[in-house]
PDB file of N, CA and C in Angstrom:
ATOM      1  N   MET A   1     -47.629 -10.100  26.915  1.00  0.00           N
ATOM      2  CA  MET A   1     -45.987  -9.634  26.993  1.00  0.00           C
ATOM      3  C   MET A   1     -45.786  -8.101  26.609  1.00  0.00           C
ATOM      4  N   LYS A   2     -45.010  -7.561  27.456  1.00  0.00           N
ATOM      5  CA  LYS A   2     -44.810  -6.275  26.680  1.00  0.00           C
ATOM      6  C   LYS A   2     -43.305  -6.067  26.413  1.00  0.00           C
ATOM      7  N   VAL A   3     -43.215  -5.302  25.029  1.00  0.00           N
ATOM      8  CA  VAL A   3     -42.179  -5.162  24.664  1.00  0.00           C
ATOM      9  C   VAL A   3     -40.750  -4.355  25.238  1.00  0.00           C
ATOM     10  N   GLN A   4     -41.312  -3.961  26.479  1.00  0.00           N
ATOM     11  CA  GLN A   4     -40.645  -2.777  27.417  1.00  0.00           C
ATOM     12  C   GLN A   4     -39.659  -3.828  28.158  1.00  0.00           C
ATOM     13  N   SER A   5     -40.344  -5.011  28.203  1.00  0.00           N
ATOM     14  CA  SER A   5     -40.068  -5.966  29.421  1.00  0.00           C
ATOM     15  C   SER A   5     -38.950  -6.842  29.051  1.00  0.00           C
ATOM     16  N   ILE A   6     -38.584  -7.096  27.547  1.00  0.00           N
ATOM     17  CA  ILE A   6     -37.663  -7.851  27.037  1.00  0.00           C
ATOM     18  C   ILE A   6     -36.184  -7.263  27.378  1.00  0.00           C
ATOM     19  N   GLY A   7     -35.435  -7.946  28.108  1.00  0.00           N
ATOM     20  CA  GLY A   7     -33.938  -7.360  28.130  1.00  0.00           C
ATOM     21  C   GLY A   7     -33.143  -8.020  26.973  1.00  0.00           C
ATOM     22  N   TYR A   8     -32.316  -7.159  26.805  1.00  0.00           N
ATOM     23  CA  TYR A   8     -31.322  -7.773  25.676  1.00  0.00           C
ATOM     24  C   TYR A   8     -29.874  -7.514  26.365  1.00  0.00           C
ATOM     25  N   ASN A   9     -29.371  -8.836  26.441  1.00  0.00           N
ATOM     26  CA  ASN A   9     -27.809  -9.218  26.940  1.00  0.00           C
ATOM     27  C   ASN A   9     -27.154  -9.252  25.909  1.00  0.00           C
ATOM     28  N   ILE A  10     -26.709  -8.256  25.159  1.00  0.00           N
ATOM     29  CA  ILE A  10     -25.683  -8.836  24.009  1.00  0.00           C
ATOM     30  C   ILE A  10     -24.400  -8.597  24.280  1.00  0.00           C
ATOM     31  N   ASN A  11     -23.475  -9.378  23.910  1.00  0.00           N
ATOM     32  CA  ASN A  11     -21.994  -9.318  24.469  1.00  0.00           C
ATOM     33  C   ASN A  11     -21.127  -9.324  22.927  1.00  0.00           C
ATOM     34  N   PHE A  12     -20.739  -8.511  22.531  1.00  0.00           N
ATOM     35  CA  PHE A  12     -20.054  -8.232  21.335  1.00  0.00           C
ATOM     36  C   PHE A  12     -18.621  -8.803  21.739  1.00  0.00           C
ATOM     37  N   GLY A  13     -17.884  -9.224  22.640  1.00  0.00           N
ATOM     38  CA  GLY A  13     -16.910  -9.391  23.005  1.00  0.00           C
ATOM     39  C   GLY A  13     -16.068  -8.218  23.492  1.00  0.00           C
ATOM     40  N   GLU A  14     -14.547  -8.261  23.785  1.00  0.00           N
ATOM     41  CA  GLU A  14     -13.912  -7.021  24.340  1.00  0.00           C
ATOM     42  C   GLU A  14     -14.061  -5.951  23.149  1.00  0.00           C
ATOM     43  N   ASN A  15     -13.951  -4.717  23.481  1.00  0.00           N
ATOM     44  CA  ASN A  15     -13.570  -3.781  22.695  1.00  0.00           C
ATOM     45  C   ASN A  15     -12.127  -3.225  22.492  1.00  0.00           C
ATOM     46  N   LYS A  16     -11.233  -4.159  22.223  1.00  0.00           N
ATOM     47  CA  LYS A  16      -9.920  -3.581  22.141  1.00  0.00           C
ATOM     48  C   LYS A  16      -9.517  -3.189  20.699  1.00  0.00           C
ATOM     49  N   LYS A  17      -8.871  -2.459  20.635  1.00  0.00           N
ATOM     50  CA  LYS A  17      -8.462  -1.380  19.726  1.00  0.00           C
ATOM     51  C   LYS A  17      -7.506  -2.228  18.774  1.00  0.00           C
ATOM     52  N   GLU A  18      -8.003  -2.275  17.573  1.00  0.00           N
ATOM     53  CA  GLU A  18      -7.138  -2.911  16.608  1.00  0.00           C
ATOM     54  C   GLU A  18      -6.149  -1.856  15.867  1.00  0.00           C
ATOM     55  N   ARG A  19      -4.877  -2.497  15.939  1.00  0.00           N
ATOM     56  CA  ARG A  19      -3.981  -1.559  15.121  1.00  0.00           C
ATOM     57  C   ARG A  19      -4.164  -1.464  13.341  1.00  0.00           C
ATOM     58  N   PHE A  20      -3.818  -0.523  12.757  1.00  0.00           N
ATOM     59  CA  PHE A  20      -4.135  -0.476  11.392  1.00  0.00           C
ATOM     60  C   PHE A  20      -3.284  -1.576  10.667  1.00  0.00           C
ATOM     61  N   THR A  21      -2.263  -2.080  11.073  1.00  0.00           N
ATOM     62  CA  THR A  21      -1.202  -2.914  10.318  1.00  0.00           C
ATOM     63  C   THR A  21      -2.167  -4.498  10.686  1.00  0.00           C
ATOM     64  N   ASP A  22      -2.527  -4.544  11.901  1.00  0.00           N
ATOM     65  CA  ASP A  22      -3.360  -5.824  12.049  1.00  0.00           C
ATOM     66  C   ASP A  22      -4.503  -6.184  11.177  1.00  0.00           C
ATOM     67  N   LYS A  23      -5.093  -5.107  10.667  1.00  0.00           N
ATOM     68  CA  LYS A  23      -5.935  -5.402   9.768  1.00  0.00           C
ATOM     69  C   LYS A  23      -5.799  -6.108   8.651  1.00  0.00           C
ATOM     70  N   PHE A  24      -4.381  -5.857   8.083  1.00  0.00           N
ATOM     71  CA  PHE A  24      -3.913  -6.640   6.926  1.00  0.00           C
ATOM     72  C   PHE A  24      -4.030  -8.330   7.322  1.00  0.00           C
ATOM     73  N   ILE A  25      -3.492  -8.526   8.279  1.00  0.00           N
ATOM     74  CA  ILE A  25      -3.557 -10.049   8.687  1.00  0.00           C
ATOM     75  C   ILE A  25      -4.973 -10.477   9.013  1.00  0.00           C
ATOM     76  N   THR A  26      -5.809  -9.932   9.657  1.00  0.00           N
ATOM     77  CA  THR A  26      -7.146 -10.143  10.106  1.00  0.00           C
ATOM     78  C   THR A  26      -8.243 -10.372   8.912  1.00  0.00           C
ATOM     79  N   HIS A  27      -7.726  -9.432   7.938  1.00  0.00           N
ATOM     80  CA  HIS A  27      -8.723  -9.322   6.880  1.00  0.00           C
ATOM     81  C   HIS A  27      -8.387  -9.970   5.466  1.00  0.00           C
ATOM     82  N   THR A  28      -7.462 -10.710   5.541  1.00  0.00           N
ATOM     83  CA  THR A  28      -6.912 -11.424   4.310  1.00  0.00           C
ATOM     84  C   THR A  28      -7.520 -12.848   4.355  1.00  0.00           C
ATOM     85  N   LYS A  29      -7.707 -13.326   3.323  1.00  0.00           N
ATOM     86  CA  LYS A  29      -8.074 -14.713   2.751  1.00  0.00           C
ATOM     87  C   LYS A  29      -7.409 -15.784   3.537  1.00  0.00           C
ATOM     88  N   ASN A  30      -5.904 -15.434   3.091  1.00  0.00           N
ATOM     89  CA  ASN A  30      -5.038 -16.543   3.757  1.00  0.00           C
ATOM     90  C   ASN A  30      -4.001 -15.861   4.562  1.00  0.00           C
ATOM     91  N   ALA A  31      -4.070 -15.782   5.659  1.00  0.00           N
ATOM     92  CA  ALA A  31      -3.187 -15.058   6.544  1.00  0.00           C
ATOM     93  C   ALA A  31      -1.617 -15.218   6.539  1.00  0.00           C
ATOM     94  N   ALA A  32      -1.620 -16.535   6.231  1.00  0.00           N
ATOM     95  CA  ALA A  32      -0.049 -17.262   6.128  1.00  0.00           C
ATOM     96  C   ALA A  32       0.659 -16.444   4.899  1.00  0.00           C
ATOM     97  N   ASP A  33      -0.333 -15.680   3.915  1.00  0.00           N
ATOM     98  CA  ASP A  33       0.923 -15.202   2.980  1.00  0.00           C
ATOM     99  C   ASP A  33       1.540 -13.877   3.576  1.00  0.00           C
ATOM    100  N   MET A  34       0.887 -13.408   4.435  1.00  0.00           N
ATOM    101  CA  MET A  34       1.823 -12.046   5.138  1.00  0.00           C
ATOM    102  C   MET A  34       2.708 -12.416   5.703  1.00  0.00           C
ATOM    103  N   ASN A  35       3.364 -13.606   6.223  1.00  0.00           N
ATOM    104  CA  ASN A  35       4.515 -14.191   6.810  1.00  0.00           C
ATOM    105  C   ASN A  35       5.433 -14.964   5.936  1.00  0.00           C
ATOM    106  N   ASP A  36       4.891 -15.482   4.835  1.00  0.00           N
ATOM    107  CA  ASP A  36       5.971 -16.229   3.816  1.00  0.00           C
ATOM    108  C   ASP A  36       6.973 -15.420   3.544  1.00  0.00           C
ATOM    109  N   THR A  37       8.127 -16.407   3.194  1.00  0.00           N
ATOM    110  CA  THR A  37       9.132 -15.422   2.387  1.00  0.00           C
ATOM    111  C   THR A  37       9.552 -16.406   1.402  1.00  0.00           C
ATOM    112  N   VAL A  38      10.188 -15.682   0.618  1.00  0.00           N
ATOM    113  CA  VAL A  38      10.646 -16.238  -0.676  1.00  0.00           C
ATOM    114  C   VAL A  38      12.158 -15.882  -0.722  1.00  0.00           C
ATOM    115  N   VAL A  39      13.087 -16.860  -0.969  1.00  0.00           N
ATOM    116  CA  VAL A  39      14.253 -16.952  -1.523  1.00  0.00           C
ATOM    117  C   VAL A  39      14.551 -16.440  -2.881  1.00  0.00           C
ATOM    118  N   VAL A  40      15.233 -15.195  -2.838  1.00  0.00           N
ATOM    119  CA  VAL A  40      15.525 -15.102  -4.598  1.00  0.00           C
ATOM    120  C   VAL A  40      16.898 -14.983  -4.626  1.00  0.00           C
ATOM    121  N   PRO A  41      17.347 -15.109  -5.923  1.00  0.00           N
ATOM    122  CA  PRO A  41      18.708 -14.869  -6.043  1.00  0.00           C
ATOM    123  C   PRO A  41      19.070 -13.632  -5.982  1.00  0.00           C
ATOM    124  N   ARG A  42      20.292 -13.240  -5.274  1.00  0.00           N
ATOM    125  CA  ARG A  42      20.858 -11.877  -5.240  1.00  0.00           C
ATOM    126  C   ARG A  42      20.960 -10.999  -6.362  1.00  0.00           C
ATOM    127  N   THR A  43      21.189 -11.650  -7.650  1.00  0.00           N
ATOM    128  CA  THR A  43      21.284 -10.856  -8.811  1.00  0.00           C
ATOM    129  C   THR A  43      19.981 -10.428  -9.159  1.00  0.00           C
ATOM    130  N   ILE A  44      18.995 -11.576  -8.956  1.00  0.00           N
ATOM    131  CA  ILE A  44      17.807 -10.937  -9.582  1.00  0.00           C
ATOM    132  C   ILE A  44      17.043  -9.964  -8.715  1.00  0.00           C
ATOM    133  N   PHE A  45      17.228  -9.720  -7.427  1.00  0.00           N
ATOM    134  CA  PHE A  45      16.917  -8.776  -6.719  1.00  0.00           C
ATOM    135  C   PHE A  45      17.747  -7.416  -7.095  1.00  0.00           C
ATOM    136  N   LYS A  46      18.862  -7.518  -7.726  1.00  0.00           N
ATOM    137  CA  LYS A  46      19.781  -6.450  -7.894  1.00  0.00           C
ATOM    138  C   LYS A  46      19.138  -5.937  -9.392  1.00  0.00           C
ATOM    139  N   GLY A  47      18.722  -6.828 -10.238  1.00  0.00           N
ATOM    140  CA  GLY A  47      18.215  -6.499 -11.509  1.00  0.00           C
ATOM    141  C   GLY A  47      16.587  -5.514 -11.211  1.00  0.00           C
ATOM    142  N   TYR A  48      16.014  -6.088 -10.395  1.00  0.00           N
ATOM    143  CA  TYR A  48      14.697  -5.512  -9.937  1.00  0.00           C
ATOM    144  C   TYR A  48      14.854  -4.139  -9.410  1.00  0.00           C
ATOM    145  N   LEU A  49      15.972  -3.673  -8.624  1.00  0.00           N
ATOM    146  CA  LEU A  49      16.264  -2.390  -8.077  1.00  0.00           C
ATOM    147  C   LEU A  49      16.737  -1.634  -9.131  1.00  0.00           C
ATOM    148  N   GLY A  50      17.669  -2.352 -10.057  1.00  0.00           N
ATOM    149  CA  GLY A  50      18.153  -1.627 -11.069  1.00  0.00           C
ATOM    150  C   GLY A  50      17.369  -0.982 -12.215  1.00  0.00           C
ATOM    151  N   PHE A  51      16.390  -1.885 -12.504  1.00  0.00           N
ATOM    152  CA  PHE A  51      15.419  -1.463 -13.417  1.00  0.00           C
ATOM    153  C   PHE A  51      14.381  -0.450 -12.711  1.00  0.00           C
ATOM    154  N   MET A  52      14.063  -0.609 -11.533  1.00  0.00           N
ATOM    155  CA  MET A  52      13.239   0.154 -10.981  1.00  0.00           C
ATOM    156  C   MET A  52      13.695   1.714 -10.931  1.00  0.00           C
ATOM    157  N   ALA A  53      15.296   1.865 -10.496  1.00  0.00           N
ATOM    158  CA  ALA A  53      15.796   2.973 -10.382  1.00  0.00           C
ATOM    159  C   ALA A  53      15.965   3.589 -11.654  1.00  0.00           C
ATOM    160  N   GLY A  54      16.290   3.055 -12.955  1.00  0.00           N
ATOM    161  CA  GLY A  54      16.455   3.310 -13.964  1.00  0.00           C
ATOM    162  C   GLY A  54      15.290   3.834 -14.828  1.00  0.00           C
ATOM    163  N   THR A  55      14.174   3.417 -14.513  1.00  0.00           N
ATOM    164  CA  THR A  55      12.603   4.024 -14.902  1.00  0.00           C
ATOM    165  C   THR A  55      12.528   5.334 -14.249  1.00  0.00           C
ATOM    166  N   THR A  56      12.756   5.194 -12.786  1.00  0.00           N
ATOM    167  CA  THR A  56      12.730   6.541 -12.130  1.00  0.00           C
ATOM    168  C   THR A  56      13.516   7.395 -12.461  1.00  0.00           C
ATOM    169  N   MET A  57      15.009   7.390 -12.822  1.00  0.00           N
ATOM    170  CA  MET A  57      15.723   8.317 -13.749  1.00  0.00           C
ATOM    171  C   MET A  57      15.104   8.822 -14.864  1.00  0.00           C
ATOM    172  N   THR A  58      14.698   7.892 -15.667  1.00  0.00           N
ATOM    173  CA  THR A  58      14.493   8.125 -16.937  1.00  0.00           C
ATOM    174  C   THR A  58      13.153   9.000 -16.855  1.00  0.00           C
ATOM    175  N   ALA A  59      12.213   8.826 -16.077  1.00  0.00           N
ATOM    176  CA  ALA A  59      11.025   9.551 -15.691  1.00  0.00           C
ATOM    177  C   ALA A  59      11.429  11.059 -15.369  1.00  0.00           C
ATOM    178  N   LEU A  60      12.389  11.205 -14.395  1.00  0.00           N
ATOM    179  CA  LEU A  60      12.753  12.357 -13.860  1.00  0.00           C
ATOM    180  C   LEU A  60      13.392  13.111 -15.116  1.00  0.00           C
ATOM    181  N   GLY A  61      14.346  12.466 -15.945  1.00  0.00           N
ATOM    182  CA  GLY A  61      14.904  13.191 -17.244  1.00  0.00           C
ATOM    183  C   GLY A  61      13.859  13.834 -17.941  1.00  0.00           C
ATOM    184  N   ALA A  62      12.680  13.005 -17.977  1.00  0.00           N
ATOM    185  CA  ALA A  62      11.860  13.397 -19.005  1.00  0.00           C
ATOM    186  C   ALA A  62      10.998  14.910 -18.156  1.00  0.00           C
ATOM    187  N   LEU A  63      10.992  14.802 -17.119  1.00  0.00           N
ATOM    188  CA  LEU A  63      10.427  15.949 -16.355  1.00  0.00           C
ATOM    189  C   LEU A  63      11.133  17.181 -16.364  1.00  0.00           C
ATOM    190  N   ALA A  64      12.337  16.963 -16.509  1.00  0.00           N
ATOM    191  CA  ALA A  64      13.515  18.070 -16.278  1.00  0.00           C
ATOM    192  C   ALA A  64      13.556  18.438 -17.724  1.00  0.00           C
ATOM    193  N   LYS A  65      12.888  19.009 -18.325  1.00  0.00           N
ATOM    194  CA  LYS A  65      13.100  19.268 -19.863  1.00  0.00           C
ATOM    195  C   LYS A  65      13.700  20.734 -20.124  1.00  0.00           C
ATOM    196  N   ASN A  66      13.715  21.538 -18.778  1.00  0.00           N
ATOM    197  CA  ASN A  66      13.889  23.110 -19.121  1.00  0.00           C
ATOM    198  C   ASN A  66      15.733  22.826 -19.068  1.00  0.00           C
ATOM    199  N   THR A  67      16.333  22.189 -17.985  1.00  0.00           N
ATOM    200  CA  THR A  67      17.688  22.078 -18.118  1.00  0.00           C
ATOM    201  C   THR A  67      18.252  20.932 -19.024  1.00  0.00           C
ATOM    202  N   LYS A  68      18.814  21.136 -20.311  1.00  0.00           N
ATOM    203  CA  LYS A  68      19.048  20.180 -21.222  1.00  0.00           C
ATOM    204  C   LYS A  68      20.201  19.156 -20.708  1.00  0.00           C
ATOM    205  N   TRP A  69      21.251  19.689 -20.010  1.00  0.00           N
ATOM    206  CA  TRP A  69      22.187  18.665 -19.693  1.00  0.00           C
ATOM    207  C   TRP A  69      21.399  17.878 -18.440  1.00  0.00           C
ATOM    208  N   LEU A  70      20.719  18.409 -17.566  1.00  0.00           N
ATOM    209  CA  LEU A  70      20.159  17.399 -16.523  1.00  0.00           C
ATOM    210  C   LEU A  70      19.380  16.487 -17.259  1.00  0.00           C
ATOM    211  N   SER A  71      18.526  16.667 -18.193  1.00  0.00           N
ATOM    212  CA  SER A  71      17.600  15.866 -18.779  1.00  0.00           C
ATOM    213  C   SER A  71      18.661  14.551 -19.336  1.00  0.00           C
ATOM    214  N   ASN A  72      19.566  15.169 -20.198  1.00  0.00           N
ATOM    215  CA  ASN A  72      20.358  14.295 -20.815  1.00  0.00           C
ATOM    216  C   ASN A  72      20.974  13.060 -19.947  1.00  0.00           C
ATOM    217  N   THR A  73      21.376  13.934 -19.163  1.00  0.00           N
ATOM    218  CA  THR A  73      22.328  12.874 -17.899  1.00  0.00           C
ATOM    219  C   THR A  73      21.408  12.157 -17.247  1.00  0.00           C
ATOM    220  N   LEU A  74      20.119  12.399 -16.668  1.00  0.00           N
ATOM    221  CA  LEU A  74      19.178  11.397 -16.193  1.00  0.00           C
ATOM    222  C   LEU A  74      18.839  10.330 -17.235  1.00  0.00           C
ATOM    223  N   ASN A  75      18.521  10.767 -18.345  1.00  0.00           N
ATOM    224  CA  ASN A  75      17.899   9.822 -19.276  1.00  0.00           C
ATOM    225  C   ASN A  75      19.268   8.909 -19.855  1.00  0.00           C
ATOM    226  N   THR A  76      20.311   9.196 -19.914  1.00  0.00           N
ATOM    227  CA  THR A  76      21.410   8.188 -20.318  1.00  0.00           C
ATOM    228  C   THR A  76      21.780   7.489 -18.985  1.00  0.00           C
ATOM    229  N   ALA A  77      21.877   8.172 -17.758  1.00  0.00           N
ATOM    230  CA  ALA A  77      22.165   7.334 -16.663  1.00  0.00           C
ATOM    231  C   ALA A  77      20.894   6.178 -16.199  1.00  0.00           C
ATOM    232  N   GLY A  78      19.616   6.755 -16.621  1.00  0.00           N
ATOM    233  CA  GLY A  78      18.348   5.758 -16.540  1.00  0.00           C
ATOM    234  C   GLY A  78      18.443   4.507 -17.221  1.00  0.00           C
ATOM    235  N   ILE A  79      18.841   5.124 -18.650  1.00  0.00           N
ATOM    236  CA  ILE A  79      18.728   3.746 -20.028  1.00  0.00           C
ATOM    237  C   ILE A  79      19.888   3.007 -19.331  1.00  0.00           C
ATOM    238  N   LEU A  80      21.118   3.401 -18.800  1.00  0.00           N
ATOM    239  CA  LEU A  80      22.215   2.411 -18.591  1.00  0.00           C
ATOM    240  C   LEU A  80      21.830   1.364 -17.310  1.00  0.00           C
ATOM    241  N   THR A  81      21.183   2.077 -16.216  1.00  0.00           N
ATOM    242  CA  THR A  81      20.728   1.375 -15.350  1.00  0.00           C
ATOM    243  C   THR A  81      19.710   0.327 -15.431  1.00  0.00           C
ATOM    244  N   CYS A  82      18.768   0.710 -16.543  1.00  0.00           N
ATOM    245  CA  CYS A  82      17.701  -0.213 -16.911  1.00  0.00           C
ATOM    246  C   CYS A  82      18.625  -1.369 -17.468  1.00  0.00           C
ATOM    247  N   LEU A  83      19.393  -1.020 -18.500  1.00  0.00           N
ATOM    248  CA  LEU A  83      20.447  -2.122 -19.088  1.00  0.00           C
ATOM    249  C   LEU A  83      20.858  -3.014 -18.108  1.00  0.00           C
ATOM    250  N   TYR A  84      21.628  -2.513 -17.265  1.00  0.00           N
ATOM    251  CA  TYR A  84      22.317  -3.469 -16.001  1.00  0.00           C
ATOM    252  C   TYR A  84      21.069  -4.184 -15.388  1.00  0.00           C
ATOM    253  N   GLY A  85      19.990  -3.723 -14.896  1.00  0.00           N
ATOM    254  CA  GLY A  85      18.958  -4.145 -14.368  1.00  0.00           C
ATOM    255  C   GLY A  85      18.330  -5.341 -15.076  1.00  0.00           C
ATOM    256  N   THR A  86      18.204  -5.237 -16.533  1.00  0.00           N
ATOM    257  CA  THR A  86      17.838  -6.174 -17.002  1.00  0.00           C
ATOM    258  C   THR A  86      18.838  -7.232 -17.069  1.00  0.00           C
ATOM    259  N   TRP A  87      20.158  -6.833 -17.430  1.00  0.00           N
ATOM    260  CA  TRP A  87      21.128  -7.975 -17.320  1.00  0.00           C
ATOM    261  C   TRP A  87      21.339  -8.796 -16.253  1.00  0.00           C
ATOM    262  N   ALA A  88      20.979  -7.989 -15.146  1.00  0.00           N
ATOM    263  CA  ALA A  88      21.194  -8.821 -13.890  1.00  0.00           C
ATOM    264  C   ALA A  88      20.250  -9.550 -13.471  1.00  0.00           C
ATOM    265  N   PHE A  89      19.073  -9.117 -13.923  1.00  0.00           N
ATOM    266  CA  PHE A  89      17.666  -9.909 -13.887  1.00  0.00           C
ATOM    267  C   PHE A  89      17.456 -11.170 -14.665  1.00  0.00           C
ATOM    268  N   VAL A  90      18.393 -11.331 -15.828  1.00  0.00           N
ATOM    269  CA  VAL A  90      18.093 -12.400 -16.501  1.00  0.00           C
ATOM    270  C   VAL A  90      19.499 -13.223 -16.408  1.00  0.00           C
ATOM    271  N   ARG A  91      20.100 -12.762 -16.036  1.00  0.00           N
ATOM    272  CA  ARG A  91      21.676 -13.498 -15.930  1.00  0.00           C
ATOM    273  C   ARG A  91      21.720 -14.997 -15.564  1.00  0.00           C
ATOM    274  N   PRO A  92      21.056 -15.210 -14.279  1.00  0.00           N
ATOM    275  CA  PRO A  92      21.048 -16.644 -13.768  1.00  0.00           C
ATOM    276  C   PRO A  92      20.297 -17.596 -14.692  1.00  0.00           C
ATOM    277  N   PHE A  93      19.500 -17.002 -15.342  1.00  0.00           N
ATOM    278  CA  PHE A  93      18.780 -17.985 -16.508  1.00  0.00           C
ATOM    279  C   PHE A  93      19.480 -18.004 -17.839  1.00  0.00           C
ATOM    280  N   ILE A  94      20.299 -17.061 -18.094  1.00  0.00           N
ATOM    281  CA  ILE A  94      21.259 -17.320 -19.568  1.00  0.00           C
ATOM    282  C   ILE A  94      22.453 -17.873 -18.992  1.00  0.00           C
ATOM    283  N   VAL A  95      23.374 -17.689 -17.990  1.00  0.00           N
ATOM    284  CA  VAL A  95      24.644 -18.212 -17.537  1.00  0.00           C
ATOM    285  C   VAL A  95      24.222 -19.174 -16.499  1.00  0.00           C
ATOM    286  N   LYS A  96      24.214 -20.446 -17.014  1.00  0.00           N
ATOM    287  CA  LYS A  96      23.792 -21.691 -15.967  1.00  0.00           C
ATOM    288  C   LYS A  96      24.516 -21.900 -14.681  1.00  0.00           C
ATOM    289  N   ASP A  97      25.895 -21.185 -14.871  1.00  0.00           N
ATOM    290  CA  ASP A  97      26.942 -21.601 -13.702  1.00  0.00           C
ATOM    291  C   ASP A  97      26.906 -20.319 -12.881  1.00  0.00           C
ATOM    292  N   THR A  98      26.101 -19.617 -13.198  1.00  0.00           N
ATOM    293  CA  THR A  98      26.045 -18.394 -12.019  1.00  0.00           C
ATOM    294  C   THR A  98      25.499 -19.098 -10.743  1.00  0.00           C
ATOM    295  N   SER A  99      26.011 -18.675  -9.480  1.00  0.00           N
ATOM    296  CA  SER A  99      25.236 -19.304  -8.306  1.00  0.00           C
ATOM    297  C   SER A  99      24.367 -17.952  -7.965  1.00  0.00           C
ATOM    298  N   GLY A 100      23.010 -18.242  -7.645  1.00  0.00           N
ATOM    299  CA  GLY A 100      22.161 -17.368  -7.276  1.00  0.00           C
ATOM    300  C   GLY A 100      21.160 -17.885  -6.298  1.00  0.00           C
ATOM    301  N   VAL A 101      20.874 -19.044  -6.298  1.00  0.00           N
ATOM    302  CA  VAL A 101      19.972 -19.483  -5.484  1.00  0.00           C
ATOM    303  C   VAL A 101      20.562 -19.785  -3.910  1.00  0.00           C
ATOM    304  N   ALA A 102      19.853 -19.288  -2.911  1.00  0.00           N
ATOM    305  CA  ALA A 102      20.609 -19.790  -1.562  1.00  0.00           C
ATOM    306  C   ALA A 102      20.269 -21.159  -1.283  1.00  0.00           C
ATOM    307  N   GLN A 103      21.254 -22.031  -0.889  1.00  0.00           N
ATOM    308  CA  GLN A 103      21.480 -23.317  -0.505  1.00  0.00           C
ATOM    309  C   GLN A 103      21.192 -23.083   1.010  1.00  0.00           C
ATOM    310  N   LYS A 104      20.278 -24.366   1.306  1.00  0.00           N
ATOM    311  CA  LYS A 104      20.310 -24.847   2.629  1.00  0.00           C
ATOM    312  C   LYS A 104      21.379 -25.292   3.229  1.00  0.00           C
ATOM    313  N   LYS A 105      21.904 -24.913   4.433  1.00  0.00           N
ATOM    314  CA  LYS A 105      23.265 -25.465   5.231  1.00  0.00           C
ATOM    315  C   LYS A 105      22.684 -26.690   5.819  1.00  0.00           C
TER     316      LYS A 105
END
């Protein structure tokens, strides 16, 4: 038998192009994690946003060393925003009568 006479009929399926975002779903171990949603209390979400915005303002204030008033303003606003974010994040856990979890109707 000659090697040249062996025919290869390999079918790898269709060559449809996969989008970049589809790779996240197809290459994850548990694809259901991509579609799950978690209901968080609104105050916890506000706290997260406040903390992230506050740390961003504080970092920008540290970078703006040349202008003293801008640096002081950004640092003060960032620290106050971080304090609000921390309070909003922990408020549902400290104050028990605060409504925060979405109720099913």
